[in-house]
Protein backbone atom coordinates (compact mmCIF):
# COMPACT_ATOMS: atom_id res chain seq x y z
CA MET A 1 85.88 70.83 154.05
CA GLU A 2 86.63 67.83 151.88
CA LEU A 3 88.99 68.78 149.02
CA SER A 4 87.16 66.59 146.52
CA GLN A 5 84.30 69.12 146.66
CA LEU A 6 86.66 71.67 145.08
CA ALA A 7 87.32 69.51 142.00
CA GLU A 8 84.31 71.03 140.24
CA LEU A 9 85.76 74.55 140.36
CA ASP A 10 87.54 75.69 137.19
CA ARG A 11 90.42 77.45 138.91
CA ILE A 12 91.35 74.56 141.19
CA TYR A 13 94.05 72.18 139.91
CA PHE A 14 94.66 68.79 141.47
CA ALA A 15 98.14 67.50 140.70
CA GLU A 16 98.57 63.76 140.31
CA PRO A 17 101.90 63.21 142.11
CA PRO A 18 102.07 63.68 145.87
CA HIS A 19 104.31 66.02 147.85
CA ALA A 20 106.88 68.31 146.20
CA LYS A 21 106.46 66.73 142.77
CA GLY A 22 102.77 67.68 142.86
CA ILE A 23 103.70 71.24 143.79
CA LEU A 24 106.11 71.40 140.85
CA GLU A 25 103.39 70.05 138.54
CA ALA A 26 100.97 72.74 139.72
CA ILE A 27 103.62 75.45 139.26
CA ASP A 28 104.05 74.24 135.68
CA HIS A 29 100.28 74.02 135.14
CA TYR A 30 99.71 77.62 136.20
CA ASP A 31 102.83 78.79 134.32
CA PHE A 32 103.90 80.46 137.53
CA PHE A 33 107.48 81.27 136.56
CA ARG A 34 106.59 82.88 133.26
CA SER A 35 104.43 85.42 135.07
CA CYS A 36 107.10 86.07 137.70
CA ARG A 37 109.89 88.42 136.87
CA VAL A 38 112.57 90.29 138.69
CA PRO A 39 111.49 93.90 139.01
CA ASP A 40 113.63 96.58 137.44
CA PRO A 41 116.04 98.04 139.95
CA ILE A 42 115.05 101.34 141.50
CA PRO A 43 117.34 104.00 140.07
CA GLN A 44 119.60 105.46 142.71
CA PRO A 45 120.36 109.18 142.64
CA VAL A 46 123.85 110.00 141.45
CA ALA A 47 125.83 111.70 144.19
CA GLU A 48 127.32 115.05 143.27
CA PRO A 49 131.11 115.16 143.73
CA GLU A 50 132.28 117.10 146.77
CA PRO A 51 133.85 120.46 145.87
CA GLU A 52 137.58 120.49 146.37
CA ALA A 53 138.84 122.51 149.33
CA PRO A 54 141.11 125.44 148.43
CA ALA A 55 144.78 124.63 148.90
């Protein structure tokens, strides 16, 4: 399929610069990093202290 046929679709973005610079432009266009976030850490259960052995 020729990519130029996709230019009519609203959700398709064609970056001007080639290679990695074009990828960076598309990332900026779609605001990719704003929608990405580091998930909250999964809480780990707190270990109960071991009972002390009788002396």
